[in-house]
Amino acid sequence: FGPTVLQLAGVDIPKEMDGRPFLGLKKAYKEDKAYGYADRFD
């Protein structure tokens, strides 16, 4: 989500981010998977 907002705003995406933009002027990536994590809750 963060990389997507930056791309819509025309702002460079930091290379340290794991995510990739899914909307914007540049070609958006297409994906068919998503990861999840659960550790301590309270």
PDB file of all heavy atoms in Angstrom:
ATOM      1  N   PHE A   1       0.817  -1.211   0.000  1.00  0.00           N
ATOM      2  CA  PHE A   1       0.000   0.000   0.000  1.00  0.00           C
ATOM      3  C   PHE A   1       0.859   1.274   0.000  1.00  0.00           C
ATOM      4  O   PHE A   1       0.577   2.219  -0.737  1.00  0.00           O
ATOM      5  CB  PHE A   1      -0.945   0.016   1.209  1.00  0.00           C
ATOM      6  CG  PHE A   1      -2.197  -0.792   1.021  1.00  0.00           C
ATOM      7  CD1 PHE A   1      -2.179  -2.018   0.359  1.00  0.00           C
ATOM      8  CD2 PHE A   1      -3.408  -0.348   1.531  1.00  0.00           C
ATOM      9  CE1 PHE A   1      -3.338  -2.765   0.206  1.00  0.00           C
ATOM     10  CE2 PHE A   1      -4.566  -1.085   1.379  1.00  0.00           C
ATOM     11  CZ  PHE A   1      -4.533  -2.293   0.722  1.00  0.00           C
ATOM     12  N   GLY A   2       1.883   1.315   0.851  1.00  0.00           N
ATOM     13  CA  GLY A   2       2.752   2.488   0.898  1.00  0.00           C
ATOM     14  C   GLY A   2       3.438   2.754  -0.432  1.00  0.00           C
ATOM     15  O   GLY A   2       3.386   3.885  -0.949  1.00  0.00           O
ATOM     16  N   PRO A   3       4.100   1.750  -1.029  1.00  0.00           N
ATOM     17  CA  PRO A   3       4.707   1.953  -2.344  1.00  0.00           C
ATOM     18  C   PRO A   3       3.702   2.422  -3.404  1.00  0.00           C
ATOM     19  O   PRO A   3       4.043   3.218  -4.271  1.00  0.00           O
ATOM     20  CB  PRO A   3       5.275   0.567  -2.678  1.00  0.00           C
ATOM     21  CG  PRO A   3       5.551  -0.055  -1.358  1.00  0.00           C
ATOM     22  CD  PRO A   3       4.448   0.435  -0.458  1.00  0.00           C
ATOM     23  N   THR A   4       2.467   1.936  -3.320  1.00  0.00           N
ATOM     24  CA  THR A   4       1.459   2.343  -4.289  1.00  0.00           C
ATOM     25  C   THR A   4       1.117   3.824  -4.145  1.00  0.00           C
ATOM     26  O   THR A   4       1.009   4.553  -5.146  1.00  0.00           O
ATOM     27  CB  THR A   4       0.189   1.484  -4.123  1.00  0.00           C
ATOM     28  OG1 THR A   4       0.525   0.119  -4.381  1.00  0.00           O
ATOM     29  CG2 THR A   4      -0.912   1.922  -5.068  1.00  0.00           C
ATOM     30  N   VAL A   5       0.962   4.285  -2.918  1.00  0.00           N
ATOM     31  CA  VAL A   5       0.672   5.702  -2.692  1.00  0.00           C
ATOM     32  C   VAL A   5       1.827   6.565  -3.194  1.00  0.00           C
ATOM     33  O   VAL A   5       1.613   7.602  -3.854  1.00  0.00           O
ATOM     34  CB  VAL A   5       0.398   5.967  -1.199  1.00  0.00           C
ATOM     35  CG1 VAL A   5       0.381   7.468  -0.910  1.00  0.00           C
ATOM     36  CG2 VAL A   5      -0.931   5.343  -0.786  1.00  0.00           C
ATOM     37  N   LEU A   6       3.059   6.148  -2.924  1.00  0.00           N
ATOM     38  CA  LEU A   6       4.214   6.922  -3.383  1.00  0.00           C
ATOM     39  C   LEU A   6       4.239   7.000  -4.912  1.00  0.00           C
ATOM     40  O   LEU A   6       4.505   8.063  -5.490  1.00  0.00           O
ATOM     41  CB  LEU A   6       5.504   6.307  -2.857  1.00  0.00           C
ATOM     42  CG  LEU A   6       5.713   6.377  -1.336  1.00  0.00           C
ATOM     43  CD1 LEU A   6       7.018   5.691  -0.950  1.00  0.00           C
ATOM     44  CD2 LEU A   6       5.700   7.817  -0.834  1.00  0.00           C
ATOM     45  N   GLN A   7       3.939   5.885  -5.564  1.00  0.00           N
ATOM     46  CA  GLN A   7       3.948   5.902  -7.030  1.00  0.00           C
ATOM     47  C   GLN A   7       2.842   6.797  -7.585  1.00  0.00           C
ATOM     48  O   GLN A   7       3.054   7.545  -8.546  1.00  0.00           O
ATOM     49  CB  GLN A   7       3.805   4.485  -7.581  1.00  0.00           C
ATOM     50  CG  GLN A   7       3.771   4.438  -9.107  1.00  0.00           C
ATOM     51  CD  GLN A   7       4.265   3.129  -9.674  1.00  0.00           C
ATOM     52  OE1 GLN A   7       5.441   2.793  -9.572  1.00  0.00           O
ATOM     53  NE2 GLN A   7       3.355   2.366 -10.253  1.00  0.00           N
ATOM     54  N   LEU A   8       1.664   6.759  -6.982  1.00  0.00           N
ATOM     55  CA  LEU A   8       0.578   7.636  -7.434  1.00  0.00           C
ATOM     56  C   LEU A   8       0.958   9.104  -7.285  1.00  0.00           C
ATOM     57  O   LEU A   8       0.575   9.947  -8.093  1.00  0.00           O
ATOM     58  CB  LEU A   8      -0.702   7.350  -6.634  1.00  0.00           C
ATOM     59  CG  LEU A   8      -1.420   6.033  -6.916  1.00  0.00           C
ATOM     60  CD1 LEU A   8      -2.564   5.840  -5.930  1.00  0.00           C
ATOM     61  CD2 LEU A   8      -1.945   5.982  -8.347  1.00  0.00           C
ATOM     62  N   ALA A   9       1.741   9.396  -6.240  1.00  0.00           N
ATOM     63  CA  ALA A   9       2.136  10.777  -5.973  1.00  0.00           C
ATOM     64  C   ALA A   9       3.376  11.194  -6.757  1.00  0.00           C
ATOM     65  O   ALA A   9       3.799  12.346  -6.673  1.00  0.00           O
ATOM     66  CB  ALA A   9       2.398  10.950  -4.478  1.00  0.00           C
ATOM     67  N   GLY A  10       3.966  10.272  -7.504  1.00  0.00           N
ATOM     68  CA  GLY A  10       5.161  10.593  -8.270  1.00  0.00           C
ATOM     69  C   GLY A  10       6.413  10.679  -7.433  1.00  0.00           C
ATOM     70  O   GLY A  10       7.379  11.370  -7.788  1.00  0.00           O
ATOM     71  N   VAL A  11       6.427   9.966  -6.309  1.00  0.00           N
ATOM     72  CA  VAL A  11       7.561   9.986  -5.383  1.00  0.00           C
ATOM     73  C   VAL A  11       8.326   8.677  -5.520  1.00  0.00           C
ATOM     74  O   VAL A  11       7.725   7.602  -5.627  1.00  0.00           O
ATOM     75  CB  VAL A  11       7.068  10.170  -3.933  1.00  0.00           C
ATOM     76  CG1 VAL A  11       8.230  10.102  -2.954  1.00  0.00           C
ATOM     77  CG2 VAL A  11       6.321  11.503  -3.790  1.00  0.00           C
ATOM     78  N   ASP A  12       9.657   8.751  -5.522  1.00  0.00           N
ATOM     79  CA  ASP A  12      10.485   7.550  -5.631  1.00  0.00           C
ATOM     80  C   ASP A  12      10.228   6.607  -4.459  1.00  0.00           C
ATOM     81  O   ASP A  12      10.089   7.043  -3.305  1.00  0.00           O
ATOM     82  CB  ASP A  12      11.968   7.923  -5.670  1.00  0.00           C
ATOM     83  CG  ASP A  12      12.366   8.618  -6.962  1.00  0.00           C
ATOM     84  OD1 ASP A  12      11.643   8.454  -7.966  1.00  0.00           O
ATOM     85  OD2 ASP A  12      13.385   9.338  -6.966  1.00  0.00           O
ATOM     86  N   ILE A  13      10.217   5.315  -4.752  1.00  0.00           N
ATOM     87  CA  ILE A  13       9.970   4.295  -3.728  1.00  0.00           C
ATOM     88  C   ILE A  13      11.307   3.838  -3.156  1.00  0.00           C
ATOM     89  O   ILE A  13      12.175   3.371  -3.903  1.00  0.00           O
ATOM     90  CB  ILE A  13       9.210   3.100  -4.335  1.00  0.00           C
ATOM     91  CG1 ILE A  13       7.863   3.572  -4.887  1.00  0.00           C
ATOM     92  CG2 ILE A  13       9.007   2.000  -3.297  1.00  0.00           C
ATOM     93  CD1 ILE A  13       7.192   2.584  -5.800  1.00  0.00           C
ATOM     94  N   PRO A  14      11.496   3.949  -1.846  1.00  0.00           N
ATOM     95  CA  PRO A  14      12.769   3.519  -1.251  1.00  0.00           C
ATOM     96  C   PRO A  14      13.045   2.050  -1.514  1.00  0.00           C
ATOM     97  O   PRO A  14      12.141   1.212  -1.424  1.00  0.00           O
ATOM     98  CB  PRO A  14      12.564   3.783   0.249  1.00  0.00           C
ATOM     99  CG  PRO A  14      11.475   4.797   0.318  1.00  0.00           C
ATOM    100  CD  PRO A  14      10.577   4.514  -0.850  1.00  0.00           C
ATOM    101  N   LYS A  15      14.287   1.744  -1.808  1.00  0.00           N
ATOM    102  CA  LYS A  15      14.648   0.355  -2.109  1.00  0.00           C
ATOM    103  C   LYS A  15      14.541  -0.528  -0.874  1.00  0.00           C
ATOM    104  O   LYS A  15      14.488  -1.764  -0.988  1.00  0.00           O
ATOM    105  CB  LYS A  15      16.068   0.290  -2.677  1.00  0.00           C
ATOM    106  CG  LYS A  15      17.176   0.708  -1.733  1.00  0.00           C
ATOM    107  CD  LYS A  15      18.537   0.619  -2.406  1.00  0.00           C
ATOM    108  CE  LYS A  15      19.710   0.861  -1.457  1.00  0.00           C
ATOM    109  NZ  LYS A  15      19.638   2.135  -0.747  1.00  0.00           N
ATOM    110  N   GLU A  16      14.510   0.062   0.314  1.00  0.00           N
ATOM    111  CA  GLU A  16      14.419  -0.724   1.547  1.00  0.00           C
ATOM    112  C   GLU A  16      13.033  -1.326   1.762  1.00  0.00           C
ATOM    113  O   GLU A  16      12.852  -2.193   2.617  1.00  0.00           O
ATOM    114  CB  GLU A  16      14.776   0.152   2.759  1.00  0.00           C
ATOM    115  CG  GLU A  16      16.232   0.576   2.831  1.00  0.00           C
ATOM    116  CD  GLU A  16      16.518   1.813   1.985  1.00  0.00           C
ATOM    117  OE1 GLU A  16      15.553   2.356   1.381  1.00  0.00           O
ATOM    118  OE2 GLU A  16      17.689   2.239   1.922  1.00  0.00           O
ATOM    119  N   MET A  17      12.039  -0.860   1.009  1.00  0.00           N
ATOM    120  CA  MET A  17      10.682  -1.400   1.170  1.00  0.00           C
ATOM    121  C   MET A  17      10.560  -2.782   0.526  1.00  0.00           C
ATOM    122  O   MET A  17      11.155  -3.050  -0.508  1.00  0.00           O
ATOM    123  CB  MET A  17       9.653  -0.442   0.560  1.00  0.00           C
ATOM    124  CG  MET A  17       9.423   0.821   1.358  1.00  0.00           C
ATOM    125  SD  MET A  17       8.061   1.811   0.671  1.00  0.00           S
ATOM    126  CE  MET A  17       7.907   3.068   1.952  1.00  0.00           C
ATOM    127  N   ASP A  18       9.766  -3.639   1.147  1.00  0.00           N
ATOM    128  CA  ASP A  18       9.522  -4.979   0.606  1.00  0.00           C
ATOM    129  C   ASP A  18       8.401  -4.997  -0.417  1.00  0.00           C
ATOM    130  O   ASP A  18       8.369  -5.851  -1.297  1.00  0.00           O
ATOM    131  CB  ASP A  18       9.157  -5.943   1.743  1.00  0.00           C
ATOM    132  CG  ASP A  18      10.281  -6.135   2.736  1.00  0.00           C
ATOM    133  OD1 ASP A  18      11.451  -6.146   2.303  1.00  0.00           O
ATOM    134  OD2 ASP A  18      10.001  -6.272   3.942  1.00  0.00           O
ATOM    135  N   GLY A  19       7.443  -4.066  -0.276  1.00  0.00           N
ATOM    136  CA  GLY A  19       6.279  -4.068  -1.139  1.00  0.00           C
ATOM    137  C   GLY A  19       6.535  -3.430  -2.488  1.00  0.00           C
ATOM    138  O   GLY A  19       7.563  -2.784  -2.712  1.00  0.00           O
ATOM    139  N   ARG A  20       5.561  -3.609  -3.389  1.00  0.00           N
ATOM    140  CA  ARG A  20       5.644  -3.054  -4.742  1.00  0.00           C
ATOM    141  C   ARG A  20       4.320  -2.395  -5.104  1.00  0.00           C
ATOM    142  O   ARG A  20       3.264  -2.836  -4.656  1.00  0.00           O
ATOM    143  CB  ARG A  20       5.982  -4.163  -5.740  1.00  0.00           C
ATOM    144  CG  ARG A  20       7.381  -4.745  -5.552  1.00  0.00           C
ATOM    145  CD  ARG A  20       7.634  -5.892  -6.513  1.00  0.00           C
ATOM    146  NE  ARG A  20       6.864  -7.079  -6.150  1.00  0.00           N
ATOM    147  CZ  ARG A  20       6.889  -8.210  -6.844  1.00  0.00           C
ATOM    148  NH1 ARG A  20       7.628  -8.310  -7.936  1.00  0.00           N
ATOM    149  NH2 ARG A  20       6.175  -9.250  -6.453  1.00  0.00           N
ATOM    150  N   PRO A  21       4.350  -1.340  -5.923  1.00  0.00           N
ATOM    151  CA  PRO A  21       3.114  -0.619  -6.236  1.00  0.00           C
ATOM    152  C   PRO A  21       2.196  -1.411  -7.161  1.00  0.00           C
ATOM    153  O   PRO A  21       2.657  -2.134  -8.038  1.00  0.00           O
ATOM    154  CB  PRO A  21       3.623   0.647  -6.927  1.00  0.00           C
ATOM    155  CG  PRO A  21       4.940   0.249  -7.525  1.00  0.00           C
ATOM    156  CD  PRO A  21       5.529  -0.742  -6.573  1.00  0.00           C
ATOM    157  N   PHE A  22       0.901  -1.262  -6.946  1.00  0.00           N
ATOM    158  CA  PHE A  22      -0.055  -1.946  -7.820  1.00  0.00           C
ATOM    159  C   PHE A  22      -0.924  -0.968  -8.614  1.00  0.00           C
ATOM    160  O   PHE A  22      -1.805  -1.378  -9.360  1.00  0.00           O
ATOM    161  CB  PHE A  22      -0.931  -2.922  -7.032  1.00  0.00           C
ATOM    162  CG  PHE A  22      -1.656  -2.343  -5.846  1.00  0.00           C
ATOM    163  CD1 PHE A  22      -2.864  -1.687  -5.998  1.00  0.00           C
ATOM    164  CD2 PHE A  22      -1.131  -2.473  -4.567  1.00  0.00           C
ATOM    165  CE1 PHE A  22      -3.536  -1.169  -4.907  1.00  0.00           C
ATOM    166  CE2 PHE A  22      -1.807  -1.956  -3.465  1.00  0.00           C
ATOM    167  CZ  PHE A  22      -3.012  -1.304  -3.634  1.00  0.00           C
ATOM    168  N   LEU A  23      -0.682   0.337  -8.468  1.00  0.00           N
ATOM    169  CA  LEU A  23      -1.337   1.361  -9.279  1.00  0.00           C
ATOM    170  C   LEU A  23      -0.323   2.451  -9.593  1.00  0.00           C
ATOM    171  O   LEU A  23       0.589   2.703  -8.798  1.00  0.00           O
ATOM    172  CB  LEU A  23      -2.516   1.999  -8.533  1.00  0.00           C
ATOM    173  CG  LEU A  23      -3.833   1.237  -8.446  1.00  0.00           C
ATOM    174  CD1 LEU A  23      -4.829   2.046  -7.621  1.00  0.00           C
ATOM    175  CD2 LEU A  23      -4.414   0.933  -9.812  1.00  0.00           C
ATOM    176  N   GLY A  24      -0.502   3.152 -10.705  1.00  0.00           N
ATOM    177  CA  GLY A  24       0.365   4.278 -11.018  1.00  0.00           C
ATOM    178  C   GLY A  24       0.768   4.305 -12.472  1.00  0.00           C
ATOM    179  O   GLY A  24       0.446   3.398 -13.254  1.00  0.00           O
ATOM    180  N   LEU A  25       1.510   5.365 -12.857  1.00  0.00           N
ATOM    181  CA  LEU A  25       1.899   5.538 -14.251  1.00  0.00           C
ATOM    182  C   LEU A  25       2.852   4.458 -14.733  1.00  0.00           C
ATOM    183  O   LEU A  25       2.800   4.020 -15.874  1.00  0.00           O
ATOM    184  CB  LEU A  25       2.526   6.921 -14.436  1.00  0.00           C
ATOM    185  CG  LEU A  25       1.545   8.101 -14.390  1.00  0.00           C
ATOM    186  CD1 LEU A  25       2.299   9.412 -14.415  1.00  0.00           C
ATOM    187  CD2 LEU A  25       0.571   8.029 -15.568  1.00  0.00           C
ATOM    188  N   LYS A  26       3.759   4.041 -13.845  1.00  0.00           N
ATOM    189  CA  LYS A  26       4.682   2.971 -14.231  1.00  0.00           C
ATOM    190  C   LYS A  26       3.923   1.647 -14.260  1.00  0.00           C
ATOM    191  O   LYS A  26       2.870   1.501 -13.660  1.00  0.00           O
ATOM    192  CB  LYS A  26       5.842   2.897 -13.242  1.00  0.00           C
ATOM    193  CG  LYS A  26       6.701   4.146 -13.208  1.00  0.00           C
ATOM    194  CD  LYS A  26       7.805   4.001 -12.175  1.00  0.00           C
ATOM    195  CE  LYS A  26       8.652   5.266 -12.095  1.00  0.00           C
ATOM    196  NZ  LYS A  26       9.701   5.172 -11.055  1.00  0.00           N
ATOM    197  N   LYS A  27       4.480   0.693 -14.935  1.00  0.00           N
ATOM    198  CA  LYS A  27       3.836  -0.615 -15.040  1.00  0.00           C
ATOM    199  C   LYS A  27       3.658  -1.217 -13.647  1.00  0.00           C
ATOM    200  O   LYS A  27       4.611  -1.343 -12.883  1.00  0.00           O
ATOM    201  CB  LYS A  27       4.682  -1.552 -15.903  1.00  0.00           C
ATOM    202  CG  LYS A  27       4.027  -2.909 -16.137  1.00  0.00           C
ATOM    203  CD  LYS A  27       4.894  -3.790 -17.029  1.00  0.00           C
ATOM    204  CE  LYS A  27       4.238  -5.146 -17.226  1.00  0.00           C
ATOM    205  NZ  LYS A  27       5.068  -6.032 -18.074  1.00  0.00           N
ATOM    206  N   ALA A  28       2.444  -1.563 -13.323  1.00  0.00           N
ATOM    207  CA  ALA A  28       2.159  -2.158 -12.025  1.00  0.00           C
ATOM    208  C   ALA A  28       2.428  -3.659 -12.075  1.00  0.00           C
ATOM    209  O   ALA A  28       2.181  -4.312 -13.082  1.00  0.00           O
ATOM    210  CB  ALA A  28       0.704  -1.892 -11.637  1.00  0.00           C
ATOM    211  N   TYR A  29       2.931  -4.180 -10.980  1.00  0.00           N
ATOM    212  CA  TYR A  29       3.210  -5.612 -10.951  1.00  0.00           C
ATOM    213  C   TYR A  29       1.915  -6.397 -10.755  1.00  0.00           C
ATOM    214  O   TYR A  29       0.928  -5.898 -10.245  1.00  0.00           O
ATOM    215  CB  TYR A  29       4.198  -5.935  -9.830  1.00  0.00           C
ATOM    216  CG  TYR A  29       3.580  -6.159  -8.477  1.00  0.00           C
ATOM    217  CD1 TYR A  29       3.391  -7.458  -7.989  1.00  0.00           C
ATOM    218  CD2 TYR A  29       3.175  -5.100  -7.677  1.00  0.00           C
ATOM    219  CE1 TYR A  29       2.827  -7.675  -6.750  1.00  0.00           C
ATOM    220  CE2 TYR A  29       2.616  -5.311  -6.431  1.00  0.00           C
ATOM    221  CZ  TYR A  29       2.442  -6.602  -5.971  1.00  0.00           C
ATOM    222  OH  TYR A  29       1.867  -6.813  -4.741  1.00  0.00           O
ATOM    223  N   LYS A  30       1.930  -7.627 -11.183  1.00  0.00           N
ATOM    224  CA  LYS A  30       0.784  -8.520 -10.987  1.00  0.00           C
ATOM    225  C   LYS A  30       1.248  -9.702 -10.149  1.00  0.00           C
ATOM    226  O   LYS A  30       2.317 -10.254 -10.362  1.00  0.00           O
ATOM    227  CB  LYS A  30       0.228  -8.994 -12.330  1.00  0.00           C
ATOM    228  CG  LYS A  30      -0.337  -7.847 -13.189  1.00  0.00           C
ATOM    229  CD  LYS A  30      -0.981  -8.385 -14.462  1.00  0.00           C
ATOM    230  CE  LYS A  30      -1.441  -7.244 -15.361  1.00  0.00           C
ATOM    231  NZ  LYS A  30      -2.504  -6.454 -14.765  1.00  0.00           N
ATOM    232  N   GLU A  31       0.431 -10.075  -9.181  1.00  0.00           N
ATOM    233  CA  GLU A  31       0.828 -11.098  -8.222  1.00  0.00           C
ATOM    234  C   GLU A  31      -0.368 -12.004  -7.944  1.00  0.00           C
ATOM    235  O   GLU A  31      -1.520 -11.607  -8.114  1.00  0.00           O
ATOM    236  CB  GLU A  31       1.308 -10.411  -6.930  1.00  0.00           C
ATOM    237  CG  GLU A  31       1.878 -11.342  -5.887  1.00  0.00           C
ATOM    238  CD  GLU A  31       3.117 -12.062  -6.371  1.00  0.00           C
ATOM    239  OE1 GLU A  31       2.951 -13.113  -7.034  1.00  0.00           O
ATOM    240  OE2 GLU A  31       4.233 -11.609  -6.091  1.00  0.00           O
ATOM    241  N   ASP A  32      -0.086 -13.233  -7.527  1.00  0.00           N
ATOM    242  CA  ASP A  32      -1.176 -14.132  -7.168  1.00  0.00           C
ATOM    243  C   ASP A  32      -0.938 -14.760  -5.802  1.00  0.00           C
ATOM    244  O   ASP A  32      -1.426 -15.845  -5.516  1.00  0.00           O
ATOM    245  CB  ASP A  32      -1.352 -15.225  -8.229  1.00  0.00           C
ATOM    246  CG  ASP A  32      -0.222 -16.263  -8.215  1.00  0.00           C
ATOM    247  OD1 ASP A  32       0.872 -15.942  -7.696  1.00  0.00           O
ATOM    248  OD2 ASP A  32      -0.440 -17.381  -8.710  1.00  0.00           O
ATOM    249  N   LYS A  33      -0.175 -14.066  -4.949  1.00  0.00           N
ATOM    250  CA  LYS A  33       0.078 -14.627  -3.625  1.00  0.00           C
ATOM    251  C   LYS A  33       0.215 -13.531  -2.583  1.00  0.00           C
ATOM    252  O   LYS A  33       0.503 -12.371  -2.902  1.00  0.00           O
ATOM    253  CB  LYS A  33       1.323 -15.514  -3.637  1.00  0.00           C
ATOM    254  CG  LYS A  33       2.619 -14.817  -3.981  1.00  0.00           C
ATOM    255  CD  LYS A  33       3.759 -15.828  -4.056  1.00  0.00           C
ATOM    256  CE  LYS A  33       5.072 -15.165  -4.466  1.00  0.00           C
ATOM    257  NZ  LYS A  33       6.169 -16.148  -4.586  1.00  0.00           N
ATOM    258  N   ALA A  34       0.000 -13.924  -1.318  1.00  0.00           N
ATOM    259  CA  ALA A  34       0.125 -13.001  -0.196  1.00  0.00           C
ATOM    260  C   ALA A  34       0.560 -13.787   1.029  1.00  0.00           C
ATOM    261  O   ALA A  34       0.066 -14.890   1.287  1.00  0.00           O
ATOM    262  CB  ALA A  34      -1.200 -12.289   0.074  1.00  0.00           C
ATOM    263  N   TYR A  35       1.484 -13.207   1.800  1.00  0.00           N
ATOM    264  CA  TYR A  35       2.021 -13.844   3.003  1.00  0.00           C
ATOM    265  C   TYR A  35       1.356 -13.280   4.257  1.00  0.00           C
ATOM    266  O   TYR A  35       0.944 -12.116   4.295  1.00  0.00           O
ATOM    267  CB  TYR A  35       3.523 -13.612   3.104  1.00  0.00           C
ATOM    268  CG  TYR A  35       4.326 -14.192   1.958  1.00  0.00           C
ATOM    269  CD1 TYR A  35       4.791 -13.381   0.933  1.00  0.00           C
ATOM    270  CD2 TYR A  35       4.611 -15.555   1.913  1.00  0.00           C
ATOM    271  CE1 TYR A  35       5.533 -13.906  -0.117  1.00  0.00           C
ATOM    272  CE2 TYR A  35       5.348 -16.097   0.867  1.00  0.00           C
ATOM    273  CZ  TYR A  35       5.801 -15.268  -0.153  1.00  0.00           C
ATOM    274  OH  TYR A  35       6.530 -15.794  -1.195  1.00  0.00           O
ATOM    275  N   GLY A  36       1.291 -14.112   5.289  1.00  0.00           N
ATOM    276  CA  GLY A  36       0.733 -13.671   6.565  1.00  0.00           C
ATOM    277  C   GLY A  36       1.586 -14.122   7.730  1.00  0.00           C
ATOM    278  O   GLY A  36       2.313 -15.115   7.636  1.00  0.00           O
ATOM    279  N   TYR A  37       1.482 -13.368   8.838  1.00  0.00           N
ATOM    280  CA  TYR A  37       2.255 -13.725  10.037  1.00  0.00           C
ATOM    281  C   TYR A  37       1.460 -13.454  11.300  1.00  0.00           C
ATOM    282  O   TYR A  37       0.708 -12.490  11.399  1.00  0.00           O
ATOM    283  CB  TYR A  37       3.588 -12.979  10.080  1.00  0.00           C
ATOM    284  CG  TYR A  37       3.637 -11.616   9.436  1.00  0.00           C
ATOM    285  CD1 TYR A  37       3.176 -10.470  10.085  1.00  0.00           C
ATOM    286  CD2 TYR A  37       4.160 -11.471   8.146  1.00  0.00           C
ATOM    287  CE1 TYR A  37       3.250  -9.225   9.474  1.00  0.00           C
ATOM    288  CE2 TYR A  37       4.229 -10.230   7.532  1.00  0.00           C
ATOM    289  CZ  TYR A  37       3.767  -9.105   8.207  1.00  0.00           C
ATOM    290  OH  TYR A  37       3.839  -7.867   7.601  1.00  0.00           O
ATOM    291  N   ALA A  38       1.609 -14.368  12.264  1.00  0.00           N
ATOM    292  CA  ALA A  38       0.950 -14.249  13.563  1.00  0.00           C
ATOM    293  C   ALA A  38       1.931 -14.693  14.637  1.00  0.00           C
ATOM    294  O   ALA A  38       2.485 -15.795  14.558  1.00  0.00           O
ATOM    295  CB  ALA A  38      -0.313 -15.104  13.609  1.00  0.00           C
ATOM    296  N   ASP A  39       2.140 -13.837  15.626  1.00  0.00           N
ATOM    297  CA  ASP A  39       3.090 -14.137  16.702  1.00  0.00           C
ATOM    298  C   ASP A  39       2.396 -13.965  18.053  1.00  0.00           C
ATOM    299  O   ASP A  39       1.464 -14.690  18.338  1.00  0.00           O
ATOM    300  CB  ASP A  39       4.318 -13.239  16.563  1.00  0.00           C
ATOM    301  CG  ASP A  39       5.126 -13.585  15.322  1.00  0.00           C
ATOM    302  OD1 ASP A  39       4.814 -13.074  14.223  1.00  0.00           O
ATOM    303  OD2 ASP A  39       6.061 -14.388  15.433  1.00  0.00           O
ATOM    304  N   ARG A  40       2.837 -12.996  18.843  1.00  0.00           N
ATOM    305  CA  ARG A  40       2.180 -12.766  20.128  1.00  0.00           C
ATOM    306  C   ARG A  40       1.039 -11.779  19.951  1.00  0.00           C
ATOM    307  O   ARG A  40       1.190 -10.738  19.344  1.00  0.00           O
ATOM    308  CB  ARG A  40       3.189 -12.230  21.163  1.00  0.00           C
ATOM    309  CG  ARG A  40       2.531 -11.896  22.514  1.00  0.00           C
ATOM    310  CD  ARG A  40       3.526 -11.480  23.569  1.00  0.00           C
ATOM    311  NE  ARG A  40       4.355 -10.364  23.162  1.00  0.00           N
ATOM    312  CZ  ARG A  40       3.954  -9.087  23.104  1.00  0.00           C
ATOM    313  NH1 ARG A  40       2.706  -8.773  23.386  1.00  0.00           N
ATOM    314  NH2 ARG A  40       4.807  -8.138  22.736  1.00  0.00           N
ATOM    315  N   PHE A  41      -0.115 -12.115  20.542  1.00  0.00           N
ATOM    316  CA  PHE A  41      -1.251 -11.209  20.597  1.00  0.00           C
ATOM    317  C   PHE A  41      -1.541 -10.931  22.064  1.00  0.00           C
ATOM    318  O   PHE A  41      -1.989 -11.818  22.790  1.00  0.00           O
ATOM    319  CB  PHE A  41      -2.472 -11.820  19.912  1.00  0.00           C
ATOM    320  CG  PHE A  41      -2.212 -12.087  18.456  1.00  0.00           C
ATOM    321  CD1 PHE A  41      -1.835 -13.348  18.017  1.00  0.00           C
ATOM    322  CD2 PHE A  41      -2.293 -11.056  17.528  1.00  0.00           C
ATOM    323  CE1 PHE A  41      -1.571 -13.582  16.683  1.00  0.00           C
ATOM    324  CE2 PHE A  41      -2.021 -11.284  16.186  1.00  0.00           C
ATOM    325  CZ  PHE A  41      -1.660 -12.548  15.758  1.00  0.00           C
ATOM    326  N   ASP A  42      -1.239  -9.711  22.496  1.00  0.00           N
ATOM    327  CA  ASP A  42      -1.311  -9.372  23.910  1.00  0.00           C
ATOM    328  C   ASP A  42      -0.429 -10.359  24.681  1.00  0.00           C
ATOM    329  O   ASP A  42       0.756 -10.454  24.437  1.00  0.00           O
ATOM    330  CB  ASP A  42      -2.757  -9.370  24.408  1.00  0.00           C
ATOM    331  CG  ASP A  42      -3.637  -8.396  23.631  1.00  0.00           C
ATOM    332  OD1 ASP A  42      -3.168  -7.292  23.328  1.00  0.00           O
ATOM    333  OD2 ASP A  42      -4.787  -8.747  23.325  1.00  0.00           O
TER     334      ASP A  42
END
